PDB file of N, CA and C in Angstrom:
ATOM      1  N   MET A   1     138.936  -3.592 -57.241  1.00  0.00           N
ATOM      2  CA  MET A   1     138.204  -4.355 -56.424  1.00  0.00           C
ATOM      3  C   MET A   1     138.640  -2.986 -55.136  1.00  0.00           C
ATOM      4  N   SER A   2     139.837  -2.454 -54.553  1.00  0.00           N
ATOM      5  CA  SER A   2     139.827  -1.159 -54.255  1.00  0.00           C
ATOM      6  C   SER A   2     139.267  -0.675 -54.258  1.00  0.00           C
ATOM      7  N   GLN A   3     138.864   0.241 -55.493  1.00  0.00           N
ATOM      8  CA  GLN A   3     137.981   1.123 -55.346  1.00  0.00           C
ATOM      9  C   GLN A   3     136.773   1.469 -54.949  1.00  0.00           C
ATOM     10  N   LEU A   4     135.989  -0.227 -55.706  1.00  0.00           N
ATOM     11  CA  LEU A   4     134.530  -0.336 -54.995  1.00  0.00           C
ATOM     12  C   LEU A   4     134.820  -0.029 -53.659  1.00  0.00           C
ATOM     13  N   LYS A   5     135.502  -1.061 -53.292  1.00  0.00           N
ATOM     14  CA  LYS A   5     135.954  -0.840 -51.494  1.00  0.00           C
ATOM     15  C   LYS A   5     135.209  -0.066 -50.473  1.00  0.00           C
ATOM     16  N   SER A   6     136.203   1.054 -51.621  1.00  0.00           N
ATOM     17  CA  SER A   6     135.990   3.068 -51.180  1.00  0.00           C
ATOM     18  C   SER A   6     134.923   3.238 -51.490  1.00  0.00           C
ATOM     19  N   SER A   7     134.155   3.579 -52.591  1.00  0.00           N
ATOM     20  CA  SER A   7     133.121   4.231 -53.341  1.00  0.00           C
ATOM     21  C   SER A   7     132.005   3.261 -52.271  1.00  0.00           C
ATOM     22  N   SER A   8     132.381   2.129 -51.545  1.00  0.00           N
ATOM     23  CA  SER A   8     131.086   1.379 -50.596  1.00  0.00           C
ATOM     24  C   SER A   8     131.540   1.811 -49.313  1.00  0.00           C
ATOM     25  N   LEU A   9     132.326   2.096 -49.124  1.00  0.00           N
ATOM     26  CA  LEU A   9     132.071   2.651 -47.471  1.00  0.00           C
ATOM     27  C   LEU A   9     132.434   3.886 -47.943  1.00  0.00           C
ATOM     28  N   ALA A  10     132.626   4.965 -48.612  1.00  0.00           N
ATOM     29  CA  ALA A  10     132.235   6.609 -48.598  1.00  0.00           C
ATOM     30  C   ALA A  10     130.314   5.831 -48.349  1.00  0.00           C
ATOM     31  N   ALA A  11     130.021   5.740 -49.176  1.00  0.00           N
ATOM     32  CA  ALA A  11     128.447   6.022 -49.183  1.00  0.00           C
ATOM     33  C   ALA A  11     128.086   5.404 -47.654  1.00  0.00           C
ATOM     34  N   LEU A  12     128.395   4.745 -47.677  1.00  0.00           N
ATOM     35  CA  LEU A  12     127.994   3.714 -46.019  1.00  0.00           C
ATOM     36  C   LEU A  12     128.465   5.295 -45.040  1.00  0.00           C
ATOM     37  N   LEU A  13     129.764   5.557 -44.654  1.00  0.00           N
ATOM     38  CA  LEU A  13     130.212   6.887 -44.172  1.00  0.00           C
ATOM     39  C   LEU A  13     129.137   8.064 -44.280  1.00  0.00           C
ATOM     40  N   ILE A  14     128.717   7.893 -45.700  1.00  0.00           N
ATOM     41  CA  ILE A  14     127.235   9.586 -46.090  1.00  0.00           C
ATOM     42  C   ILE A  14     126.086   8.699 -44.907  1.00  0.00           C
ATOM     43  N   PHE A  15     125.814   7.606 -45.685  1.00  0.00           N
ATOM     44  CA  PHE A  15     124.786   7.424 -45.234  1.00  0.00           C
ATOM     45  C   PHE A  15     124.359   7.717 -43.432  1.00  0.00           C
ATOM     46  N   LEU A  16     125.525   6.618 -42.961  1.00  0.00           N
ATOM     47  CA  LEU A  16     125.862   6.787 -41.672  1.00  0.00           C
ATOM     48  C   LEU A  16     126.277   8.273 -40.632  1.00  0.00           C
ATOM     49  N   LEU A  17     126.895   9.321 -41.201  1.00  0.00           N
ATOM     50  CA  LEU A  17     126.633  10.556 -40.273  1.00  0.00           C
ATOM     51  C   LEU A  17     124.708  11.673 -40.683  1.00  0.00           C
ATOM     52  N   ALA A  18     124.393  10.815 -41.842  1.00  0.00           N
ATOM     53  CA  ALA A  18     123.313  11.358 -41.756  1.00  0.00           C
ATOM     54  C   ALA A  18     121.785  11.166 -40.771  1.00  0.00           C
ATOM     55  N   VAL A  19     122.366   9.718 -40.956  1.00  0.00           N
ATOM     56  CA  VAL A  19     121.649   9.092 -39.453  1.00  0.00           C
ATOM     57  C   VAL A  19     121.493   9.513 -38.368  1.00  0.00           C
ATOM     58  N   PHE A  20     123.004  10.143 -38.272  1.00  0.00           N
ATOM     59  CA  PHE A  20     123.729  10.249 -36.986  1.00  0.00           C
ATOM     60  C   PHE A  20     122.459  11.852 -36.748  1.00  0.00           C
ATOM     61  N   THR A  21     123.231  12.232 -37.884  1.00  0.00           N
ATOM     62  CA  THR A  21     123.443  13.843 -37.271  1.00  0.00           C
ATOM     63  C   THR A  21     121.450  14.344 -37.186  1.00  0.00           C
ATOM     64  N   THR A  22     120.471  13.005 -38.258  1.00  0.00           N
ATOM     65  CA  THR A  22     119.000  13.388 -38.130  1.00  0.00           C
ATOM     66  C   THR A  22     119.207  13.439 -35.769  1.00  0.00           C
ATOM     67  N   ALA A  23     119.702  11.938 -35.743  1.00  0.00           N
ATOM     68  CA  ALA A  23     119.423  10.818 -34.216  1.00  0.00           C
ATOM     69  C   ALA A  23     119.981  12.497 -32.954  1.00  0.00           C
ATOM     70  N   ALA A  24     121.785  12.723 -33.296  1.00  0.00           N
ATOM     71  CA  ALA A  24     121.822  13.833 -32.399  1.00  0.00           C
ATOM     72  C   ALA A  24     120.370  15.118 -32.229  1.00  0.00           C
ATOM     73  N   ALA A  25     120.370  15.088 -33.153  1.00  0.00           N
ATOM     74  CA  ALA A  25     119.407  16.669 -33.229  1.00  0.00           C
ATOM     75  C   ALA A  25     118.656  15.778 -31.914  1.00  0.00           C
ATOM     76  N   ALA A  26     117.998  14.903 -32.338  1.00  0.00           N
ATOM     77  CA  ALA A  26     117.025  14.382 -31.844  1.00  0.00           C
ATOM     78  C   ALA A  26     116.938  14.342 -29.995  1.00  0.00           C
ATOM     79  N   ALA A  27     118.298  14.364 -29.970  1.00  0.00           N
ATOM     80  CA  ALA A  27     118.549  13.642 -28.802  1.00  0.00           C
ATOM     81  C   ALA A  27     119.239  15.090 -27.965  1.00  0.00           C
ATOM     82  N   GLY A  28     119.099  16.230 -29.120  1.00  0.00           N
ATOM     83  CA  GLY A  28     119.005  17.657 -28.303  1.00  0.00           C
ATOM     84  C   GLY A  28     120.938  17.359 -27.628  1.00  0.00           C
ATOM     85  N   THR A  29     121.903  18.719 -27.661  1.00  0.00           N
ATOM     86  CA  THR A  29     122.655  19.215 -27.318  1.00  0.00           C
ATOM     87  C   THR A  29     123.058  19.314 -26.047  1.00  0.00           C
ATOM     88  N   GLU A  30     122.635  18.725 -24.745  1.00  0.00           N
ATOM     89  CA  GLU A  30     122.759  17.699 -23.971  1.00  0.00           C
ATOM     90  C   GLU A  30     124.783  16.861 -23.586  1.00  0.00           C
ATOM     91  N   CYS A  31     124.381  15.920 -25.109  1.00  0.00           N
ATOM     92  CA  CYS A  31     124.769  15.083 -25.297  1.00  0.00           C
ATOM     93  C   CYS A  31     125.749  14.821 -26.162  1.00  0.00           C
ATOM     94  N   GLN A  32     125.251  15.833 -27.510  1.00  0.00           N
ATOM     95  CA  GLN A  32     125.489  16.220 -28.929  1.00  0.00           C
ATOM     96  C   GLN A  32     126.920  15.466 -28.848  1.00  0.00           C
ATOM     97  N   ASN A  33     128.268  16.105 -28.077  1.00  0.00           N
ATOM     98  CA  ASN A  33     129.459  16.350 -28.515  1.00  0.00           C
ATOM     99  C   ASN A  33     129.506  14.286 -27.630  1.00  0.00           C
ATOM    100  N   ASP A  34     129.299  13.536 -26.593  1.00  0.00           N
ATOM    101  CA  ASP A  34     129.461  12.817 -26.247  1.00  0.00           C
ATOM    102  C   ASP A  34     128.358  11.775 -27.419  1.00  0.00           C
ATOM    103  N   VAL A  35     128.035  12.325 -28.309  1.00  0.00           N
ATOM    104  CA  VAL A  35     127.481  11.140 -29.838  1.00  0.00           C
ATOM    105  C   VAL A  35     127.537  10.615 -30.451  1.00  0.00           C
ATOM    106  N   GLU A  36     129.121  12.395 -30.381  1.00  0.00           N
ATOM    107  CA  GLU A  36     129.715  12.447 -31.790  1.00  0.00           C
ATOM    108  C   GLU A  36     131.091  11.262 -31.679  1.00  0.00           C
ATOM    109  N   VAL A  37     131.578  11.702 -30.087  1.00  0.00           N
ATOM    110  CA  VAL A  37     133.026  11.022 -30.232  1.00  0.00           C
ATOM    111  C   VAL A  37     132.697   9.207 -30.476  1.00  0.00           C
ATOM    112  N   LEU A  38     131.091   9.587 -29.705  1.00  0.00           N
ATOM    113  CA  LEU A  38     131.527   7.600 -29.180  1.00  0.00           C
ATOM    114  C   LEU A  38     130.563   6.743 -30.937  1.00  0.00           C
ATOM    115  N   LYS A  39     130.201   7.619 -31.834  1.00  0.00           N
ATOM    116  CA  LYS A  39     130.480   7.432 -33.209  1.00  0.00           C
ATOM    117  C   LYS A  39     131.408   7.138 -33.460  1.00  0.00           C
ATOM    118  N   THR A  40     132.313   8.577 -33.364  1.00  0.00           N
ATOM    119  CA  THR A  40     133.751   7.819 -33.537  1.00  0.00           C
ATOM    120  C   THR A  40     135.130   6.141 -34.117  1.00  0.00           C
ATOM    121  N   THR A  41     134.336   6.764 -32.676  1.00  0.00           N
ATOM    122  CA  THR A  41     135.446   5.317 -31.768  1.00  0.00           C
ATOM    123  C   THR A  41     134.522   4.424 -31.149  1.00  0.00           C
ATOM    124  N   CYS A  42     132.968   4.175 -31.386  1.00  0.00           N
ATOM    125  CA  CYS A  42     133.364   3.335 -30.791  1.00  0.00           C
ATOM    126  C   CYS A  42     131.921   2.242 -31.668  1.00  0.00           C
ATOM    127  N   TYR A  43     131.265   2.637 -32.574  1.00  0.00           N
ATOM    128  CA  TYR A  43     130.465   2.639 -34.460  1.00  0.00           C
ATOM    129  C   TYR A  43     130.856   0.622 -34.586  1.00  0.00           C
ATOM    130  N   LYS A  44     132.199   0.683 -34.979  1.00  0.00           N
ATOM    131  CA  LYS A  44     131.914  -0.494 -35.226  1.00  0.00           C
ATOM    132  C   LYS A  44     131.969  -1.733 -34.313  1.00  0.00           C
ATOM    133  N   PHE A  45     132.151  -1.550 -33.486  1.00  0.00           N
ATOM    134  CA  PHE A  45     131.632  -2.617 -32.477  1.00  0.00           C
ATOM    135  C   PHE A  45     130.163  -3.355 -31.463  1.00  0.00           C
ATOM    136  N   VAL A  46     129.236  -1.576 -32.135  1.00  0.00           N
ATOM    137  CA  VAL A  46     128.093  -1.450 -31.989  1.00  0.00           C
ATOM    138  C   VAL A  46     127.286  -1.689 -33.660  1.00  0.00           C
ATOM    139  N   GLU A  47     127.800  -2.169 -33.931  1.00  0.00           N
ATOM    140  CA  GLU A  47     126.872  -2.208 -35.649  1.00  0.00           C
ATOM    141  C   GLU A  47     126.291  -3.241 -35.830  1.00  0.00           C
ATOM    142  N   LYS A  48     124.863  -3.292 -36.316  1.00  0.00           N
ATOM    143  CA  LYS A  48     123.856  -4.448 -35.926  1.00  0.00           C
ATOM    144  C   LYS A  48     124.077  -5.094 -36.713  1.00  0.00           C
ATOM    145  N   ASP A  49     125.240  -4.653 -37.738  1.00  0.00           N
ATOM    146  CA  ASP A  49     125.918  -6.568 -38.770  1.00  0.00           C
ATOM    147  C   ASP A  49     127.152  -6.188 -38.068  1.00  0.00           C
ATOM    148  N   GLY A  50     127.577  -7.297 -38.861  1.00  0.00           N
ATOM    149  CA  GLY A  50     129.446  -7.565 -38.079  1.00  0.00           C
ATOM    150  C   GLY A  50     129.169  -8.999 -37.672  1.00  0.00           C
ATOM    151  N   PRO A  51     130.693  -8.887 -36.310  1.00  0.00           N
ATOM    152  CA  PRO A  51     130.177  -9.781 -35.294  1.00  0.00           C
ATOM    153  C   PRO A  51     131.071  -9.221 -34.854  1.00  0.00           C
ATOM    154  N   LYS A  52     130.614  -9.422 -33.559  1.00  0.00           N
ATOM    155  CA  LYS A  52     130.473  -8.495 -31.911  1.00  0.00           C
ATOM    156  C   LYS A  52     132.285  -9.542 -31.616  1.00  0.00           C
ATOM    157  N   LEU A  53     132.371  -8.015 -31.623  1.00  0.00           N
ATOM    158  CA  LEU A  53     134.537  -7.687 -31.855  1.00  0.00           C
ATOM    159  C   LEU A  53     134.719  -7.185 -29.789  1.00  0.00           C
ATOM    160  N   GLN A  54     135.509  -6.891 -29.088  1.00  0.00           N
ATOM    161  CA  GLN A  54     136.399  -6.961 -28.728  1.00  0.00           C
ATOM    162  C   GLN A  54     136.099  -4.904 -28.420  1.00  0.00           C
ATOM    163  N   PRO A  55     135.669  -4.698 -27.931  1.00  0.00           N
ATOM    164  CA  PRO A  55     136.118  -2.726 -28.297  1.00  0.00           C
ATOM    165  C   PRO A  55     137.530  -2.066 -28.248  1.00  0.00           C
ATOM    166  N   SER A  56     138.453  -1.224 -28.098  1.00  0.00           N
ATOM    167  CA  SER A  56     139.682  -0.781 -28.127  1.00  0.00           C
ATOM    168  C   SER A  56     139.412  -0.307 -26.706  1.00  0.00           C
ATOM    169  N   PRO A  57     140.746   0.219 -26.813  1.00  0.00           N
ATOM    170  CA  PRO A  57     140.988   1.226 -25.517  1.00  0.00           C
ATOM    171  C   PRO A  57     139.966   2.825 -25.765  1.00  0.00           C
ATOM    172  N   ASP A  58     140.732   3.080 -26.645  1.00  0.00           N
ATOM    173  CA  ASP A  58     139.610   4.464 -27.840  1.00  0.00           C
ATOM    174  C   ASP A  58     137.957   4.304 -27.514  1.00  0.00           C
ATOM    175  N   CYS A  59     137.881   3.198 -27.475  1.00  0.00           N
ATOM    176  CA  CYS A  59     136.709   3.697 -27.309  1.00  0.00           C
ATOM    177  C   CYS A  59     135.958   2.981 -26.207  1.00  0.00           C
ATOM    178  N   CYS A  60     137.169   2.131 -25.321  1.00  0.00           N
ATOM    179  CA  CYS A  60     136.348   2.567 -23.881  1.00  0.00           C
ATOM    180  C   CYS A  60     136.751   3.666 -23.008  1.00  0.00           C
ATOM    181  N   THR A  61     137.755   4.483 -23.227  1.00  0.00           N
ATOM    182  CA  THR A  61     138.109   5.772 -22.534  1.00  0.00           C
ATOM    183  C   THR A  61     137.387   6.986 -22.855  1.00  0.00           C
ATOM    184  N   SER A  62     136.509   6.154 -24.269  1.00  0.00           N
ATOM    185  CA  SER A  62     136.380   7.227 -24.516  1.00  0.00           C
ATOM    186  C   SER A  62     133.918   7.111 -23.696  1.00  0.00           C
ATOM    187  N   MET A  63     133.649   6.161 -23.849  1.00  0.00           N
ATOM    188  CA  MET A  63     132.781   5.861 -23.229  1.00  0.00           C
ATOM    189  C   MET A  63     132.757   6.231 -20.962  1.00  0.00           C
ATOM    190  N   LYS A  64     134.024   6.091 -20.780  1.00  0.00           N
ATOM    191  CA  LYS A  64     134.287   7.072 -19.429  1.00  0.00           C
ATOM    192  C   LYS A  64     133.559   8.073 -19.205  1.00  0.00           C
ATOM    193  N   GLY A  65     133.303   8.623 -20.220  1.00  0.00           N
ATOM    194  CA  GLY A  65     133.387  10.551 -19.915  1.00  0.00           C
ATOM    195  C   GLY A  65     131.989  11.256 -20.534  1.00  0.00           C
ATOM    196  N   VAL A  66     130.511   9.647 -21.406  1.00  0.00           N
ATOM    197  CA  VAL A  66     129.879  10.002 -21.720  1.00  0.00           C
ATOM    198  C   VAL A  66     128.158  10.532 -20.654  1.00  0.00           C
ATOM    199  N   ASN A  67     127.830  11.090 -21.108  1.00  0.00           N
ATOM    200  CA  ASN A  67     126.078  11.469 -20.189  1.00  0.00           C
ATOM    201  C   ASN A  67     125.612   9.640 -20.410  1.00  0.00           C
ATOM    202  N   VAL A  68     125.486   8.903 -19.543  1.00  0.00           N
ATOM    203  CA  VAL A  68     125.120   7.753 -19.609  1.00  0.00           C
ATOM    204  C   VAL A  68     123.462   7.814 -20.137  1.00  0.00           C
ATOM    205  N   PRO A  69     122.668   8.567 -18.789  1.00  0.00           N
ATOM    206  CA  PRO A  69     121.076   8.446 -19.280  1.00  0.00           C
ATOM    207  C   PRO A  69     120.804   9.634 -20.471  1.00  0.00           C
ATOM    208  N   CYS A  70     121.643  10.715 -21.480  1.00  0.00           N
ATOM    209  CA  CYS A  70     121.448  10.952 -22.688  1.00  0.00           C
ATOM    210  C   CYS A  70     122.083  10.942 -23.297  1.00  0.00           C
ATOM    211  N   VAL A  71     122.772   9.389 -23.146  1.00  0.00           N
ATOM    212  CA  VAL A  71     122.826   8.575 -24.928  1.00  0.00           C
ATOM    213  C   VAL A  71     122.279   7.567 -25.208  1.00  0.00           C
ATOM    214  N   CYS A  72     122.131   7.283 -23.618  1.00  0.00           N
ATOM    215  CA  CYS A  72     120.809   6.349 -23.180  1.00  0.00           C
ATOM    216  C   CYS A  72     119.558   6.799 -24.508  1.00  0.00           C
ATOM    217  N   THR A  73     119.143   7.468 -24.302  1.00  0.00           N
ATOM    218  CA  THR A  73     118.053   8.874 -24.865  1.00  0.00           C
ATOM    219  C   THR A  73     118.330   8.616 -26.865  1.00  0.00           C
ATOM    220  N   TYR A  74     119.265   8.907 -27.174  1.00  0.00           N
ATOM    221  CA  TYR A  74     119.681   8.577 -27.994  1.00  0.00           C
ATOM    222  C   TYR A  74     120.033   7.327 -29.270  1.00  0.00           C
ATOM    223  N   LEU A  75     119.774   6.654 -28.328  1.00  0.00           N
ATOM    224  CA  LEU A  75     120.219   5.115 -28.373  1.00  0.00           C
ATOM    225  C   LEU A  75     118.665   4.608 -28.669  1.00  0.00           C
ATOM    226  N   GLY A  76     118.547   5.288 -27.881  1.00  0.00           N
ATOM    227  CA  GLY A  76     116.674   4.658 -28.477  1.00  0.00           C
ATOM    228  C   GLY A  76     116.186   5.404 -30.105  1.00  0.00           C
ATOM    229  N   SER A  77     116.094   6.656 -29.973  1.00  0.00           N
ATOM    230  CA  SER A  77     116.276   7.292 -31.146  1.00  0.00           C
ATOM    231  C   SER A  77     115.636   6.642 -32.662  1.00  0.00           C
ATOM    232  N   PRO A  78     114.396   6.917 -32.778  1.00  0.00           N
ATOM    233  CA  PRO A  78     114.127   6.659 -34.842  1.00  0.00           C
ATOM    234  C   PRO A  78     115.419   6.450 -35.357  1.00  0.00           C
ATOM    235  N   GLY A  79     115.560   5.509 -36.139  1.00  0.00           N
ATOM    236  CA  GLY A  79     116.958   5.067 -37.351  1.00  0.00           C
ATOM    237  C   GLY A  79     117.816   5.162 -36.993  1.00  0.00           C
ATOM    238  N   VAL A  80     118.416   5.607 -35.012  1.00  0.00           N
ATOM    239  CA  VAL A  80     120.006   4.538 -34.437  1.00  0.00           C
ATOM    240  C   VAL A  80     118.701   3.252 -34.011  1.00  0.00           C
ATOM    241  N   ARG A  81     118.064   2.968 -33.528  1.00  0.00           N
ATOM    242  CA  ARG A  81     118.010   1.223 -33.235  1.00  0.00           C
ATOM    243  C   ARG A  81     117.884   0.105 -34.986  1.00  0.00           C
ATOM    244  N   GLY A  82     117.310   0.863 -35.223  1.00  0.00           N
ATOM    245  CA  GLY A  82     117.613   0.012 -36.620  1.00  0.00           C
ATOM    246  C   GLY A  82     119.030  -0.392 -36.994  1.00  0.00           C
ATOM    247  N   ASN A  83     120.178  -0.145 -36.796  1.00  0.00           N
ATOM    248  CA  ASN A  83     122.014   0.550 -37.363  1.00  0.00           C
ATOM    249  C   ASN A  83     122.836  -0.067 -36.096  1.00  0.00           C
ATOM    250  N   ILE A  84     121.746  -0.206 -35.339  1.00  0.00           N
ATOM    251  CA  ILE A  84     123.116  -1.102 -34.299  1.00  0.00           C
ATOM    252  C   ILE A  84     122.448  -2.241 -33.014  1.00  0.00           C
ATOM    253  N   SER A  85     123.168  -2.588 -32.699  1.00  0.00           N
ATOM    254  CA  SER A  85     122.830  -3.889 -31.685  1.00  0.00           C
ATOM    255  C   SER A  85     122.424  -3.844 -30.139  1.00  0.00           C
ATOM    256  N   MET A  86     122.338  -3.967 -29.419  1.00  0.00           N
ATOM    257  CA  MET A  86     121.498  -3.376 -28.651  1.00  0.00           C
ATOM    258  C   MET A  86     122.472  -3.855 -27.421  1.00  0.00           C
ATOM    259  N   ASP A  87     121.893  -5.893 -28.488  1.00  0.00           N
ATOM    260  CA  ASP A  87     123.069  -6.642 -26.880  1.00  0.00           C
ATOM    261  C   ASP A  87     124.003  -6.774 -27.749  1.00  0.00           C
ATOM    262  N   LYS A  88     125.616  -5.925 -28.264  1.00  0.00           N
ATOM    263  CA  LYS A  88     126.188  -5.359 -28.735  1.00  0.00           C
ATOM    264  C   LYS A  88     126.958  -3.643 -27.943  1.00  0.00           C
ATOM    265  N   VAL A  89     125.976  -2.799 -26.997  1.00  0.00           N
ATOM    266  CA  VAL A  89     126.551  -1.866 -26.730  1.00  0.00           C
ATOM    267  C   VAL A  89     126.078  -2.988 -24.962  1.00  0.00           C
ATOM    268  N   PHE A  90     125.610  -3.278 -24.812  1.00  0.00           N
ATOM    269  CA  PHE A  90     126.101  -4.119 -23.455  1.00  0.00           C
ATOM    270  C   PHE A  90     126.898  -4.714 -23.216  1.00  0.00           C
ATOM    271  N   TYR A  91     127.337  -5.665 -24.517  1.00  0.00           N
ATOM    272  CA  TYR A  91     128.499  -6.215 -24.090  1.00  0.00           C
ATOM    273  C   TYR A  91     129.602  -5.016 -23.980  1.00  0.00           C
ATOM    274  N   VAL A  92     129.775  -4.099 -24.913  1.00  0.00           N
ATOM    275  CA  VAL A  92     130.795  -3.635 -25.187  1.00  0.00           C
ATOM    276  C   VAL A  92     130.412  -2.833 -23.828  1.00  0.00           C
ATOM    277  N   THR A  93     129.855  -2.415 -23.401  1.00  0.00           N
ATOM    278  CA  THR A  93     129.715  -1.365 -21.911  1.00  0.00           C
ATOM    279  C   THR A  93     130.176  -2.379 -20.494  1.00  0.00           C
ATOM    280  N   LYS A  94     129.811  -3.640 -20.435  1.00  0.00           N
ATOM    281  CA  LYS A  94     130.471  -4.287 -19.605  1.00  0.00           C
ATOM    282  C   LYS A  94     131.910  -4.843 -19.999  1.00  0.00           C
ATOM    283  N   GLN A  95     131.849  -5.361 -21.254  1.00  0.00           N
ATOM    284  CA  GLN A  95     133.968  -5.121 -21.754  1.00  0.00           C
ATOM    285  C   GLN A  95     134.567  -3.345 -21.530  1.00  0.00           C
ATOM    286  N   CYS A  96     133.787  -2.781 -21.256  1.00  0.00           N
ATOM    287  CA  CYS A  96     134.711  -1.368 -20.418  1.00  0.00           C
ATOM    288  C   CYS A  96     135.273  -1.320 -19.416  1.00  0.00           C
ATOM    289  N   GLY A  97     133.767  -1.614 -18.195  1.00  0.00           N
ATOM    290  CA  GLY A  97     133.564  -2.077 -17.106  1.00  0.00           C
ATOM    291  C   GLY A  97     133.200  -0.576 -17.378  1.00  0.00           C
ATOM    292  N   ILE A  98     131.669  -0.188 -18.242  1.00  0.00           N
ATOM    293  CA  ILE A  98     130.968   0.794 -17.792  1.00  0.00           C
ATOM    294  C   ILE A  98     129.375   0.439 -16.918  1.00  0.00           C
ATOM    295  N   ALA A  99     129.095   0.601 -16.048  1.00  0.00           N
ATOM    296  CA  ALA A  99     127.544   0.389 -16.227  1.00  0.00           C
ATOM    297  C   ALA A  99     126.566   1.044 -16.756  1.00  0.00           C
ATOM    298  N   ILE A 100     125.401   0.680 -17.161  1.00  0.00           N
ATOM    299  CA  ILE A 100     124.315   1.008 -18.282  1.00  0.00           C
ATOM    300  C   ILE A 100     123.141   0.757 -17.740  1.00  0.00           C
ATOM    301  N   PRO A 101     122.169   1.846 -17.164  1.00  0.00           N
ATOM    302  CA  PRO A 101     120.814   0.921 -17.216  1.00  0.00           C
ATOM    303  C   PRO A 101     119.811  -0.131 -17.764  1.00  0.00           C
ATOM    304  N   GLY A 102     119.336  -1.596 -17.183  1.00  0.00           N
ATOM    305  CA  GLY A 102     119.465  -2.289 -18.728  1.00  0.00           C
ATOM    306  C   GLY A 102     118.110  -1.992 -19.408  1.00  0.00           C
ATOM    307  N   ASN A 103     117.046  -0.148 -19.198  1.00  0.00           N
ATOM    308  CA  ASN A 103     116.662  -0.215 -20.482  1.00  0.00           C
ATOM    309  C   ASN A 103     117.069   0.951 -21.086  1.00  0.00           C
ATOM    310  N   CYS A 104     118.444   0.611 -21.258  1.00  0.00           N
ATOM    311  CA  CYS A 104     118.851   1.446 -21.703  1.00  0.00           C
ATOM    312  C   CYS A 104     118.362   1.950 -23.669  1.00  0.00           C
ATOM    313  N   GLY A 105     118.543   2.679 -24.035  1.00  0.00           N
ATOM    314  CA  GLY A 105     117.861   2.327 -25.618  1.00  0.00           C
ATOM    315  C   GLY A 105     116.718   2.203 -26.422  1.00  0.00           C
ATOM    316  N   GLY A 106     115.619   2.170 -24.328  1.00  0.00           N
ATOM    317  CA  GLY A 106     115.428   0.988 -25.214  1.00  0.00           C
ATOM    318  C   GLY A 106     114.618  -0.376 -24.504  1.00  0.00           C
ATOM    319  N   SER A 107     115.720  -0.857 -24.241  1.00  0.00           N
ATOM    320  CA  SER A 107     115.830  -2.212 -23.656  1.00  0.00           C
ATOM    321  C   SER A 107     114.903  -2.492 -22.838  1.00  0.00           C
ATOM    322  N   LYS A 108     114.626  -3.746 -23.443  1.00  0.00           N
ATOM    323  CA  LYS A 108     113.894  -4.686 -21.072  1.00  0.00           C
ATOM    324  C   LYS A 108     115.328  -5.101 -21.161  1.00  0.00           C
ATOM    325  N   VAL A 109     116.371  -4.905 -20.863  1.00  0.00           N
ATOM    326  CA  VAL A 109     117.005  -6.521 -20.920  1.00  0.00           C
ATOM    327  C   VAL A 109     117.666  -6.195 -18.714  1.00  0.00           C
TER     328      VAL A 109
END
């Protein structure tokens, strides 16, 4: 069972790395480091599947240092929108005290 979990997790991480690498390249180098940090610290709080979770302090700290307009453009990239929940993005940013535009990622909130 543990080995199955490990191989499933490894496959998921490889898939996510491919998706995020492609989308990060589309976002350009302007906020690529921001995207990488958020991917590491916040993805589990905004992924499409799974429950809505209170973000971790590390996630909130990471969010406070990002280029919001650039990251919002990244969130609207093909391949990213299918893997994240914009509802969760807005929830997490609100919980962390981060203001983002209502159209972040192409959303109409």
